[in-house]
C-alpha cells in the first residue's frame, strides 16, 4: 500500500513540473507584410524600391537564434533568413520579389539551438 502512495506523489510531482515548465512557453509569431512599389499617379511610372515582403516577428526569446523557413509541400524546409534578437519583437529586412521563391510557398519560424 505504501508503494501506491509514493506513486501518487511521484505523479503529482511530474504533473507539477510539467505544468510549471510548459505554461510559460510562448511561441514566436510571424506576420507577413506586403510592400508594393509606388507609382506616379500622373504617368503611371513606378519609382522607389521594388515591392516585396517583410516579416513582423513577435514573442521571441532574446539572445536565441531563429530561422525563417519556407516550403512548397510542408515536407522539405529551406532557410530564408536567420537572426538573433535583443528584444521580444522585431522586423525583418525587406525581401524583394526576386529574392523570394518563385512559386507559392509557406513560411514558418523556428528556434534553433
PDB file of N, CA and C in Angstrom:
ATOM      1  N   UNK A   1       0.828  -1.196   0.000  1.00  0.00           N
ATOM      2  CA  UNK A   1       0.000   0.000   0.000  1.00  0.00           C
ATOM      3  C   UNK A   1       0.869   1.255   0.000  1.00  0.00           C
ATOM      4  N   UNK A   2       1.983   1.211   0.708  1.00  0.00           N
ATOM      5  CA  UNK A   2       2.881   2.363   0.756  1.00  0.00           C
ATOM      6  C   UNK A   2       3.454   2.639  -0.637  1.00  0.00           C
ATOM      7  N   UNK A   3       3.658   1.623  -1.447  1.00  0.00           N
ATOM      8  CA  UNK A   3       4.182   1.773  -2.793  1.00  0.00           C
ATOM      9  C   UNK A   3       3.227   2.603  -3.659  1.00  0.00           C
ATOM     10  N   UNK A   4       1.931   2.356  -3.539  1.00  0.00           N
ATOM     11  CA  UNK A   4       0.947   3.126  -4.308  1.00  0.00           C
ATOM     12  C   UNK A   4       0.930   4.579  -3.870  1.00  0.00           C
ATOM     13  N   UNK A   5       1.125   4.832  -2.600  1.00  0.00           N
ATOM     14  CA  UNK A   5       1.129   6.199  -2.092  1.00  0.00           C
ATOM     15  C   UNK A   5       2.301   6.979  -2.686  1.00  0.00           C
ATOM     16  N   UNK A   6       3.479   6.362  -2.780  1.00  0.00           N
ATOM     17  CA  UNK A   6       4.636   7.021  -3.384  1.00  0.00           C
ATOM     18  C   UNK A   6       4.413   7.267  -4.866  1.00  0.00           C
ATOM     19  N   UNK A   7       3.705   6.372  -5.506  1.00  0.00           N
ATOM     20  CA  UNK A   7       3.402   6.541  -6.933  1.00  0.00           C
ATOM     21  C   UNK A   7       2.527   7.755  -7.175  1.00  0.00           C
ATOM     22  N   UNK A   8       1.575   7.991  -6.298  1.00  0.00           N
ATOM     23  CA  UNK A   8       0.705   9.162  -6.433  1.00  0.00           C
ATOM     24  C   UNK A   8       1.499  10.444  -6.223  1.00  0.00           C
ATOM     25  N   UNK A   9       2.409  10.416  -5.237  1.00  0.00           N
ATOM     26  CA  UNK A   9       3.254  11.598  -5.007  1.00  0.00           C
ATOM     27  C   UNK A   9       4.138  11.879  -6.222  1.00  0.00           C
ATOM     28  N   UNK A  10       4.666  10.829  -6.811  1.00  0.00           N
ATOM     29  CA  UNK A  10       5.516  10.991  -7.988  1.00  0.00           C
ATOM     30  C   UNK A  10       4.703  11.535  -9.155  1.00  0.00           C
ATOM     31  N   UNK A  11       3.490  11.038  -9.329  1.00  0.00           N
ATOM     32  CA  UNK A  11       2.632  11.548 -10.404  1.00  0.00           C
ATOM     33  C   UNK A  11       2.330  13.030 -10.193  1.00  0.00           C
ATOM     34  N   UNK A  12       2.068  13.426  -8.962  1.00  0.00           N
ATOM     35  CA  UNK A  12       1.809  14.836  -8.679  1.00  0.00           C
ATOM     36  C   UNK A  12       3.042  15.685  -8.963  1.00  0.00           C
ATOM     37  N   UNK A  13       4.208  15.175  -8.579  1.00  0.00           N
ATOM     38  CA  UNK A  13       5.450  15.906  -8.826  1.00  0.00           C
ATOM     39  C   UNK A  13       5.710  16.062 -10.327  1.00  0.00           C
ATOM     40  N   UNK A  14       5.529  15.005 -11.079  1.00  0.00           N
ATOM     41  CA  UNK A  14       5.723  15.064 -12.533  1.00  0.00           C
ATOM     42  C   UNK A  14       4.716  16.018 -13.155  1.00  0.00           C
ATOM     43  N   UNK A  15       3.478  15.971 -12.741  1.00  0.00           N
ATOM     44  CA  UNK A  15       2.454  16.869 -13.262  1.00  0.00           C
ATOM     45  C   UNK A  15       2.788  18.322 -12.922  1.00  0.00           C
ATOM     46  N   UNK A  16       3.233  18.584 -11.713  1.00  0.00           N
ATOM     47  CA  UNK A  16       3.604  19.940 -11.311  1.00  0.00           C
ATOM     48  C   UNK A  16       4.762  20.464 -12.155  1.00  0.00           C
ATOM     49  N   UNK A  17       5.796  19.636 -12.338  1.00  0.00           N
ATOM     50  CA  UNK A  17       6.939  20.056 -13.162  1.00  0.00           C
ATOM     51  C   UNK A  17       6.492  20.308 -14.593  1.00  0.00           C
ATOM     52  N   UNK A  18       5.684  19.436 -15.131  1.00  0.00           N
ATOM     53  CA  UNK A  18       5.184  19.603 -16.497  1.00  0.00           C
ATOM     54  C   UNK A  18       4.415  20.906 -16.641  1.00  0.00           C
ATOM     55  N   UNK A  19       3.507  21.185 -15.728  1.00  0.00           N
ATOM     56  CA  UNK A  19       2.716  22.419 -15.810  1.00  0.00           C
ATOM     57  C   UNK A  19       3.584  23.653 -15.595  1.00  0.00           C
ATOM     58  N   UNK A  20       4.536  23.581 -14.688  1.00  0.00           N
ATOM     59  CA  UNK A  20       5.401  24.726 -14.415  1.00  0.00           C
ATOM     60  C   UNK A  20       6.280  25.045 -15.622  1.00  0.00           C
ATOM     61  N   UNK A  21       6.835  24.027 -16.248  1.00  0.00           N
ATOM     62  CA  UNK A  21       7.751  24.241 -17.371  1.00  0.00           C
ATOM     63  C   UNK A  21       7.003  24.693 -18.611  1.00  0.00           C
ATOM     64  N   UNK A  22       5.891  24.092 -18.923  1.00  0.00           N
ATOM     65  CA  UNK A  22       5.230  24.339 -20.191  1.00  0.00           C
ATOM     66  C   UNK A  22       4.194  25.448 -20.173  1.00  0.00           C
ATOM     67  N   UNK A  23       3.820  25.970 -19.039  1.00  0.00           N
ATOM     68  CA  UNK A  23       2.849  27.057 -19.029  1.00  0.00           C
ATOM     69  C   UNK A  23       3.493  28.382 -19.383  1.00  0.00           C
ATOM     70  N   UNK A  24       4.801  28.497 -19.222  1.00  0.00           N
ATOM     71  CA  UNK A  24       5.472  29.753 -19.511  1.00  0.00           C
ATOM     72  C   UNK A  24       5.961  29.841 -20.955  1.00  0.00           C
ATOM     73  N   UNK A  25       5.830  28.773 -21.714  1.00  0.00           N
ATOM     74  CA  UNK A  25       6.295  28.790 -23.095  1.00  0.00           C
ATOM     75  C   UNK A  25       5.313  29.544 -23.978  1.00  0.00           C
ATOM     76  N   UNK A  26       5.830  30.490 -24.727  1.00  0.00           N
ATOM     77  CA  UNK A  26       5.005  31.181 -25.703  1.00  0.00           C
ATOM     78  C   UNK A  26       5.696  31.075 -27.048  1.00  0.00           C
ATOM     79  N   UNK A  27       4.948  30.715 -28.038  1.00  0.00           N
ATOM     80  CA  UNK A  27       5.525  30.519 -29.363  1.00  0.00           C
ATOM     81  C   UNK A  27       5.711  31.858 -30.061  1.00  0.00           C
ATOM     82  N   UNK A  28       6.793  31.964 -30.790  1.00  0.00           N
ATOM     83  CA  UNK A  28       7.028  33.165 -31.583  1.00  0.00           C
ATOM     84  C   UNK A  28       6.000  33.214 -32.709  1.00  0.00           C
ATOM     85  N   UNK A  29       5.553  34.410 -33.033  1.00  0.00           N
ATOM     86  CA  UNK A  29       4.577  34.560 -34.112  1.00  0.00           C
ATOM     87  C   UNK A  29       5.204  35.309 -35.270  1.00  0.00           C
ATOM     88  N   UNK A  30       4.728  35.019 -36.438  1.00  0.00           N
ATOM     89  CA  UNK A  30       5.268  35.558 -37.675  1.00  0.00           C
ATOM     90  C   UNK A  30       4.117  36.127 -38.490  1.00  0.00           C
ATOM     91  N   UNK A  31       4.223  37.396 -38.859  1.00  0.00           N
ATOM     92  CA  UNK A  31       3.187  38.037 -39.661  1.00  0.00           C
ATOM     93  C   UNK A  31       3.840  38.592 -40.925  1.00  0.00           C
ATOM     94  N   UNK A  32       3.253  38.291 -42.070  1.00  0.00           N
ATOM     95  CA  UNK A  32       3.799  38.736 -43.356  1.00  0.00           C
ATOM     96  C   UNK A  32       3.168  40.066 -43.728  1.00  0.00           C
ATOM     97  N   UNK A  33       4.012  41.032 -44.080  1.00  0.00           N
ATOM     98  CA  UNK A  33       3.564  42.346 -44.527  1.00  0.00           C
ATOM     99  C   UNK A  33       3.986  42.533 -45.980  1.00  0.00           C
ATOM    100  N   UNK A  34       3.038  42.861 -46.850  1.00  0.00           N
ATOM    101  CA  UNK A  34       3.307  43.061 -48.272  1.00  0.00           C
ATOM    102  C   UNK A  34       3.579  44.537 -48.517  1.00  0.00           C
ATOM    103  N   UNK A  35       4.638  44.811 -49.288  1.00  0.00           N
ATOM    104  CA  UNK A  35       5.003  46.179 -49.658  1.00  0.00           C
ATOM    105  C   UNK A  35       4.906  46.280 -51.170  1.00  0.00           C
ATOM    106  N   UNK A  36       4.166  47.264 -51.650  1.00  0.00           N
ATOM    107  CA  UNK A  36       4.007  47.460 -53.088  1.00  0.00           C
ATOM    108  C   UNK A  36       4.884  48.613 -53.546  1.00  0.00           C
ATOM    109  N   UNK A  37       5.353  48.525 -54.776  1.00  0.00           N
ATOM    110  CA  UNK A  37       6.159  49.606 -55.325  1.00  0.00           C
ATOM    111  C   UNK A  37       5.257  50.808 -55.601  1.00  0.00           C
ATOM    112  N   UNK A  38       5.767  51.991 -55.313  1.00  0.00           N
ATOM    113  CA  UNK A  38       4.991  53.206 -55.521  1.00  0.00           C
ATOM    114  C   UNK A  38       4.941  53.548 -57.002  1.00  0.00           C
ATOM    115  N   UNK A  39       3.838  54.193 -57.393  1.00  0.00           N
ATOM    116  CA  UNK A  39       3.619  54.560 -58.790  1.00  0.00           C
ATOM    117  C   UNK A  39       3.200  56.022 -58.847  1.00  0.00           C
ATOM    118  N   UNK A  40       3.787  56.769 -59.805  1.00  0.00           N
ATOM    119  CA  UNK A  40       3.386  58.159 -60.023  1.00  0.00           C
ATOM    120  C   UNK A  40       1.987  58.149 -60.625  1.00  0.00           C
ATOM    121  N   UNK A  41       1.038  58.825 -59.977  1.00  0.00           N
ATOM    122  CA  UNK A  41      -0.351  58.792 -60.435  1.00  0.00           C
ATOM    123  C   UNK A  41      -0.517  59.389 -61.828  1.00  0.00           C
ATOM    124  N   UNK A  42       0.186  60.469 -62.122  1.00  0.00           N
ATOM    125  CA  UNK A  42       0.005  61.158 -63.405  1.00  0.00           C
ATOM    126  C   UNK A  42       0.517  60.333 -64.583  1.00  0.00           C
ATOM    127  N   UNK A  43       1.657  59.682 -64.418  1.00  0.00           N
ATOM    128  CA  UNK A  43       2.263  58.968 -65.551  1.00  0.00           C
ATOM    129  C   UNK A  43       2.167  57.452 -65.447  1.00  0.00           C
ATOM    130  N   UNK A  44       1.914  56.945 -64.275  1.00  0.00           N
ATOM    131  CA  UNK A  44       1.857  55.500 -64.081  1.00  0.00           C
ATOM    132  C   UNK A  44       3.230  54.846 -63.987  1.00  0.00           C
ATOM    133  N   UNK A  45       4.283  55.652 -63.883  1.00  0.00           N
ATOM    134  CA  UNK A  45       5.651  55.134 -63.798  1.00  0.00           C
ATOM    135  C   UNK A  45       5.961  54.670 -62.366  1.00  0.00           C
ATOM    136  N   UNK A  46       6.528  53.482 -62.239  1.00  0.00           N
ATOM    137  CA  UNK A  46       6.940  53.043 -60.901  1.00  0.00           C
ATOM    138  C   UNK A  46       8.208  53.772 -60.469  1.00  0.00           C
ATOM    139  N   UNK A  47       8.329  53.981 -59.172  1.00  0.00           N
ATOM    140  CA  UNK A  47       9.538  54.613 -58.634  1.00  0.00           C
ATOM    141  C   UNK A  47       9.811  54.067 -57.242  1.00  0.00           C
ATOM    142  N   UNK A  48      11.015  54.316 -56.771  1.00  0.00           N
ATOM    143  CA  UNK A  48      11.382  53.860 -55.431  1.00  0.00           C
ATOM    144  C   UNK A  48      11.766  52.398 -55.416  1.00  0.00           C
ATOM    145  N   UNK A  49      11.806  51.852 -54.239  1.00  0.00           N
ATOM    146  CA  UNK A  49      12.198  50.467 -54.034  1.00  0.00           C
ATOM    147  C   UNK A  49      11.159  49.523 -54.623  1.00  0.00           C
ATOM    148  N   UNK A  50      11.594  48.447 -55.268  1.00  0.00           N
ATOM    149  CA  UNK A  50      10.615  47.476 -55.755  1.00  0.00           C
ATOM    150  C   UNK A  50       9.876  46.829 -54.590  1.00  0.00           C
ATOM    151  N   UNK A  51       8.722  46.295 -54.856  1.00  0.00           N
ATOM    152  CA  UNK A  51       7.904  45.694 -53.814  1.00  0.00           C
ATOM    153  C   UNK A  51       8.481  44.389 -53.301  1.00  0.00           C
ATOM    154  N   UNK A  52       7.882  43.889 -52.264  1.00  0.00           N
ATOM    155  CA  UNK A  52       8.302  42.624 -51.670  1.00  0.00           C
ATOM    156  C   UNK A  52       7.533  42.380 -50.400  1.00  0.00           C
ATOM    157  N   UNK A  53       8.140  41.628 -49.514  1.00  0.00           N
ATOM    158  CA  UNK A  53       7.515  41.360 -48.216  1.00  0.00           C
ATOM    159  C   UNK A  53       8.555  41.521 -47.118  1.00  0.00           C
ATOM    160  N   UNK A  54       8.062  41.781 -45.925  1.00  0.00           N
ATOM    161  CA  UNK A  54       8.885  41.698 -44.722  1.00  0.00           C
ATOM    162  C   UNK A  54       8.056  41.030 -43.648  1.00  0.00           C
ATOM    163  N   UNK A  55       8.718  40.613 -42.604  1.00  0.00           N
ATOM    164  CA  UNK A  55       8.061  39.855 -41.546  1.00  0.00           C
ATOM    165  C   UNK A  55       8.094  40.644 -40.252  1.00  0.00           C
ATOM    166  N   UNK A  56       6.965  40.709 -39.584  1.00  0.00           N
ATOM    167  CA  UNK A  56       6.910  41.221 -38.214  1.00  0.00           C
ATOM    168  C   UNK A  56       6.911  40.004 -37.296  1.00  0.00           C
ATOM    169  N   UNK A  57       7.890  39.965 -36.413  1.00  0.00           N
ATOM    170  CA  UNK A  57       8.096  38.804 -35.562  1.00  0.00           C
ATOM    171  C   UNK A  57       7.877  39.234 -34.116  1.00  0.00           C
ATOM    172  N   UNK A  58       7.047  38.487 -33.409  1.00  0.00           N
ATOM    173  CA  UNK A  58       6.695  38.835 -32.031  1.00  0.00           C
ATOM    174  C   UNK A  58       6.908  37.644 -31.113  1.00  0.00           C
ATOM    175  N   UNK A  59       7.090  37.953 -29.844  1.00  0.00           N
ATOM    176  CA  UNK A  59       7.199  36.947 -28.781  1.00  0.00           C
ATOM    177  C   UNK A  59       8.400  36.022 -28.951  1.00  0.00           C
ATOM    178  N   UNK A  60       9.545  36.574 -29.360  1.00  0.00           N
ATOM    179  CA  UNK A  60      10.758  35.765 -29.440  1.00  0.00           C
ATOM    180  C   UNK A  60      11.523  35.876 -28.125  1.00  0.00           C
ATOM    181  N   UNK A  61      12.291  34.856 -27.827  1.00  0.00           N
ATOM    182  CA  UNK A  61      13.157  34.879 -26.650  1.00  0.00           C
ATOM    183  C   UNK A  61      14.447  35.597 -27.009  1.00  0.00           C
ATOM    184  N   UNK A  62      14.844  36.577 -26.240  1.00  0.00           N
ATOM    185  CA  UNK A  62      16.085  37.296 -26.549  1.00  0.00           C
ATOM    186  C   UNK A  62      17.314  36.382 -26.486  1.00  0.00           C
ATOM    187  N   UNK A  63      18.299  36.712 -27.299  1.00  0.00           N
ATOM    188  CA  UNK A  63      19.610  36.067 -27.318  1.00  0.00           C
ATOM    189  C   UNK A  63      19.595  34.634 -27.835  1.00  0.00           C
ATOM    190  N   UNK A  64      18.529  34.218 -28.498  1.00  0.00           N
ATOM    191  CA  UNK A  64      18.470  32.877 -29.071  1.00  0.00           C
ATOM    192  C   UNK A  64      18.346  32.980 -30.583  1.00  0.00           C
ATOM    193  N   UNK A  65      18.918  32.024 -31.322  1.00  0.00           N
ATOM    194  CA  UNK A  65      18.841  32.086 -32.789  1.00  0.00           C
ATOM    195  C   UNK A  65      17.503  31.572 -33.324  1.00  0.00           C
ATOM    196  N   UNK A  66      16.997  32.245 -34.325  1.00  0.00           N
ATOM    197  CA  UNK A  66      15.763  31.860 -35.002  1.00  0.00           C
ATOM    198  C   UNK A  66      16.007  31.798 -36.500  1.00  0.00           C
ATOM    199  N   UNK A  67      15.214  30.996 -37.179  1.00  0.00           N
ATOM    200  CA  UNK A  67      15.263  30.895 -38.625  1.00  0.00           C
ATOM    201  C   UNK A  67      13.850  31.081 -39.167  1.00  0.00           C
ATOM    202  N   UNK A  68      13.748  31.815 -40.272  1.00  0.00           N
ATOM    203  CA  UNK A  68      12.506  31.844 -41.046  1.00  0.00           C
ATOM    204  C   UNK A  68      12.743  30.914 -42.218  1.00  0.00           C
ATOM    205  N   UNK A  69      11.852  29.980 -42.395  1.00  0.00           N
ATOM    206  CA  UNK A  69      11.988  28.982 -43.438  1.00  0.00           C
ATOM    207  C   UNK A  69      10.767  28.988 -44.337  1.00  0.00           C
ATOM    208  N   UNK A  70      10.933  28.440 -45.543  1.00  0.00           N
ATOM    209  CA  UNK A  70       9.812  28.310 -46.459  1.00  0.00           C
ATOM    210  C   UNK A  70       9.759  26.895 -47.020  1.00  0.00           C
ATOM    211  N   UNK A  71       8.562  26.504 -47.444  1.00  0.00           N
ATOM    212  CA  UNK A  71       8.355  25.175 -48.008  1.00  0.00           C
ATOM    213  C   UNK A  71       7.233  25.245 -49.028  1.00  0.00           C
ATOM    214  N   UNK A  72       7.311  24.368 -50.010  1.00  0.00           N
ATOM    215  CA  UNK A  72       6.240  24.260 -51.005  1.00  0.00           C
ATOM    216  C   UNK A  72       5.280  23.125 -50.670  1.00  0.00           C
ATOM    217  N   UNK A  73       5.726  22.180 -49.838  1.00  0.00           N
ATOM    218  CA  UNK A  73       4.927  20.980 -49.600  1.00  0.00           C
ATOM    219  C   UNK A  73       4.844  20.558 -48.131  1.00  0.00           C
ATOM    220  N   UNK A  74       5.341  21.362 -47.214  1.00  0.00           N
ATOM    221  CA  UNK A  74       5.379  21.063 -45.781  1.00  0.00           C
ATOM    222  C   UNK A  74       6.289  19.884 -45.431  1.00  0.00           C
ATOM    223  N   UNK A  75       7.052  19.365 -46.399  1.00  0.00           N
ATOM    224  CA  UNK A  75       7.942  18.238 -46.120  1.00  0.00           C
ATOM    225  C   UNK A  75       9.391  18.691 -46.047  1.00  0.00           C
ATOM    226  N   UNK A  76       9.820  19.467 -47.008  1.00  0.00           N
ATOM    227  CA  UNK A  76      11.193  19.977 -47.018  1.00  0.00           C
ATOM    228  C   UNK A  76      11.156  21.474 -46.788  1.00  0.00           C
ATOM    229  N   UNK A  77      11.964  21.938 -45.862  1.00  0.00           N
ATOM    230  CA  UNK A  77      12.004  23.349 -45.497  1.00  0.00           C
ATOM    231  C   UNK A  77      13.373  23.922 -45.831  1.00  0.00           C
ATOM    232  N   UNK A  78      13.391  25.091 -46.440  1.00  0.00           N
ATOM    233  CA  UNK A  78      14.624  25.783 -46.800  1.00  0.00           C
ATOM    234  C   UNK A  78      14.759  27.034 -45.936  1.00  0.00           C
ATOM    235  N   UNK A  79      15.988  27.331 -45.512  1.00  0.00           N
ATOM    236  CA  UNK A  79      16.229  28.533 -44.724  1.00  0.00           C
ATOM    237  C   UNK A  79      16.169  29.767 -45.614  1.00  0.00           C
ATOM    238  N   UNK A  80      15.455  30.788 -45.159  1.00  0.00           N
ATOM    239  CA  UNK A  80      15.380  32.061 -45.867  1.00  0.00           C
ATOM    240  C   UNK A  80      16.165  33.137 -45.138  1.00  0.00           C
ATOM    241  N   UNK A  81      16.044  33.163 -43.814  1.00  0.00           N
ATOM    242  CA  UNK A  81      16.616  34.257 -43.035  1.00  0.00           C
ATOM    243  C   UNK A  81      16.868  33.761 -41.623  1.00  0.00           C
ATOM    244  N   UNK A  82      18.050  34.033 -41.094  1.00  0.00           N
ATOM    245  CA  UNK A  82      18.325  33.690 -39.699  1.00  0.00           C
ATOM    246  C   UNK A  82      18.678  34.961 -38.942  1.00  0.00           C
ATOM    247  N   UNK A  83      18.338  34.991 -37.669  1.00  0.00           N
ATOM    248  CA  UNK A  83      18.534  36.199 -36.881  1.00  0.00           C
ATOM    249  C   UNK A  83      18.560  35.865 -35.401  1.00  0.00           C
ATOM    250  N   UNK A  84      19.062  36.796 -34.645  1.00  0.00           N
ATOM    251  CA  UNK A  84      19.000  36.780 -33.199  1.00  0.00           C
ATOM    252  C   UNK A  84      18.427  38.111 -32.753  1.00  0.00           C
ATOM    253  N   UNK A  85      17.957  38.200 -31.551  1.00  0.00           N
ATOM    254  CA  UNK A  85      17.289  39.419 -31.109  1.00  0.00           C
ATOM    255  C   UNK A  85      17.722  39.790 -29.702  1.00  0.00           C
ATOM    256  N   UNK A  86      17.722  41.079 -29.438  1.00  0.00           N
ATOM    257  CA  UNK A  86      17.954  41.568 -28.081  1.00  0.00           C
ATOM    258  C   UNK A  86      16.642  41.906 -27.388  1.00  0.00           C
ATOM    259  N   UNK A  87      15.555  41.908 -28.134  1.00  0.00           N
ATOM    260  CA  UNK A  87      14.249  42.223 -27.575  1.00  0.00           C
ATOM    261  C   UNK A  87      13.258  41.120 -27.889  1.00  0.00           C
ATOM    262  N   UNK A  88      11.984  41.388 -27.630  1.00  0.00           N
ATOM    263  CA  UNK A  88      10.947  40.389 -27.853  1.00  0.00           C
ATOM    264  C   UNK A  88      10.274  40.510 -29.211  1.00  0.00           C
ATOM    265  N   UNK A  89      10.360  41.679 -29.844  1.00  0.00           N
ATOM    266  CA  UNK A  89       9.697  41.916 -31.123  1.00  0.00           C
ATOM    267  C   UNK A  89      10.697  42.524 -32.100  1.00  0.00           C
ATOM    268  N   UNK A  90      10.579  42.189 -33.364  1.00  0.00           N
ATOM    269  CA  UNK A  90      11.459  42.762 -34.364  1.00  0.00           C
ATOM    270  C   UNK A  90      10.825  42.690 -35.736  1.00  0.00           C
ATOM    271  N   UNK A  91      11.460  43.377 -36.685  1.00  0.00           N
ATOM    272  CA  UNK A  91      11.016  43.391 -38.070  1.00  0.00           C
ATOM    273  C   UNK A  91      12.179  42.943 -38.942  1.00  0.00           C
ATOM    274  N   UNK A  92      11.908  42.054 -39.878  1.00  0.00           N
ATOM    275  CA  UNK A  92      12.956  41.567 -40.774  1.00  0.00           C
ATOM    276  C   UNK A  92      13.244  42.611 -41.842  1.00  0.00           C
ATOM    277  N   UNK A  93      14.338  42.438 -42.565  1.00  0.00           N
ATOM    278  CA  UNK A  93      14.562  43.323 -43.707  1.00  0.00           C
ATOM    279  C   UNK A  93      13.550  43.019 -44.813  1.00  0.00           C
ATOM    280  N   UNK A  94      13.453  43.914 -45.762  1.00  0.00           N
ATOM    281  CA  UNK A  94      12.540  43.737 -46.893  1.00  0.00           C
ATOM    282  C   UNK A  94      13.134  42.728 -47.864  1.00  0.00           C
ATOM    283  N   UNK A  95      12.363  41.738 -48.225  1.00  0.00           N
ATOM    284  CA  UNK A  95      12.755  40.771 -49.241  1.00  0.00           C
ATOM    285  C   UNK A  95      12.038  41.136 -50.525  1.00  0.00           C
ATOM    286  N   UNK A  96      12.803  41.510 -51.564  1.00  0.00           N
ATOM    287  CA  UNK A  96      12.201  41.867 -52.850  1.00  0.00           C
ATOM    288  C   UNK A  96      11.692  40.597 -53.520  1.00  0.00           C
ATOM    289  N   UNK A  97      10.766  40.764 -54.441  1.00  0.00           N
ATOM    290  CA  UNK A  97      10.127  39.609 -55.066  1.00  0.00           C
ATOM    291  C   UNK A  97      11.146  38.696 -55.736  1.00  0.00           C
ATOM    292  N   UNK A  98      12.223  39.252 -56.291  1.00  0.00           N
ATOM    293  CA  UNK A  98      13.244  38.433 -56.945  1.00  0.00           C
ATOM    294  C   UNK A  98      14.060  37.581 -55.979  1.00  0.00           C
ATOM    295  N   UNK A  99      14.084  37.924 -54.703  1.00  0.00           N
ATOM    296  CA  UNK A  99      14.839  37.179 -53.697  1.00  0.00           C
ATOM    297  C   UNK A  99      14.025  36.043 -53.084  1.00  0.00           C
ATOM    298  N   UNK A 100      12.743  36.029 -53.360  1.00  0.00           N
ATOM    299  CA  UNK A 100      11.850  35.032 -52.767  1.00  0.00           C
ATOM    300  C   UNK A 100      11.650  33.855 -53.709  1.00  0.00           C
ATOM    301  N   UNK A 101      11.175  32.733 -53.207  1.00  0.00           N
ATOM    302  CA  UNK A 101      10.889  31.594 -54.082  1.00  0.00           C
ATOM    303  C   UNK A 101       9.867  31.993 -55.148  1.00  0.00           C
ATOM    304  N   UNK A 102      10.037  31.513 -56.377  1.00  0.00           N
ATOM    305  CA  UNK A 102       9.162  31.959 -57.472  1.00  0.00           C
ATOM    306  C   UNK A 102       7.733  31.420 -57.395  1.00  0.00           C
ATOM    307  N   UNK A 103       7.510  30.349 -56.676  1.00  0.00           N
ATOM    308  CA  UNK A 103       6.182  29.750 -56.605  1.00  0.00           C
ATOM    309  C   UNK A 103       5.551  30.036 -55.254  1.00  0.00           C
ATOM    310  N   UNK A 104       4.286  29.698 -55.126  1.00  0.00           N
ATOM    311  CA  UNK A 104       3.608  29.853 -53.838  1.00  0.00           C
ATOM    312  C   UNK A 104       4.290  28.967 -52.806  1.00  0.00           C
ATOM    313  N   UNK A 105       4.402  29.489 -51.583  1.00  0.00           N
ATOM    314  CA  UNK A 105       5.063  28.708 -50.540  1.00  0.00           C
ATOM    315  C   UNK A 105       4.506  29.095 -49.174  1.00  0.00           C
ATOM    316  N   UNK A 106       4.909  28.343 -48.181  1.00  0.00           N
ATOM    317  CA  UNK A 106       4.507  28.541 -46.803  1.00  0.00           C
ATOM    318  C   UNK A 106       5.726  28.967 -46.004  1.00  0.00           C
ATOM    319  N   UNK A 107       5.518  29.819 -45.009  1.00  0.00           N
ATOM    320  CA  UNK A 107       6.602  30.290 -44.167  1.00  0.00           C
ATOM    321  C   UNK A 107       6.370  29.829 -42.741  1.00  0.00           C
ATOM    322  N   UNK A 108       7.469  29.629 -42.019  1.00  0.00           N
ATOM    323  CA  UNK A 108       7.393  29.314 -40.597  1.00  0.00           C
ATOM    324  C   UNK A 108       8.613  29.907 -39.913  1.00  0.00           C
ATOM    325  N   UNK A 109       8.498  30.044 -38.605  1.00  0.00           N
ATOM    326  CA  UNK A 109       9.622  30.489 -37.792  1.00  0.00           C
ATOM    327  C   UNK A 109       9.937  29.374 -36.809  1.00  0.00           C
ATOM    328  N   UNK A 110      11.230  29.073 -36.688  1.00  0.00           N
ATOM    329  CA  UNK A 110      11.650  28.044 -35.744  1.00  0.00           C
ATOM    330  C   UNK A 110      12.819  28.563 -34.942  1.00  0.00           C
ATOM    331  N   UNK A 111      12.980  27.999 -33.787  1.00  0.00           N
ATOM    332  CA  UNK A 111      14.088  28.366 -32.917  1.00  0.00           C
ATOM    333  C   UNK A 111      15.140  27.256 -33.024  1.00  0.00           C
ATOM    334  N   UNK A 112      16.379  27.642 -33.261  1.00  0.00           N
ATOM    335  CA  UNK A 112      17.458  26.662 -33.343  1.00  0.00           C
ATOM    336  C   UNK A 112      18.420  26.912 -32.198  1.00  0.00           C
ATOM    337  N   UNK A 113      18.973  25.842 -31.668  1.00  0.00           N
ATOM    338  CA  UNK A 113      19.893  25.974 -30.545  1.00  0.00           C
ATOM    339  C   UNK A 113      21.295  25.892 -31.023  1.00  0.00           C
TER     340      UNK A 113
END
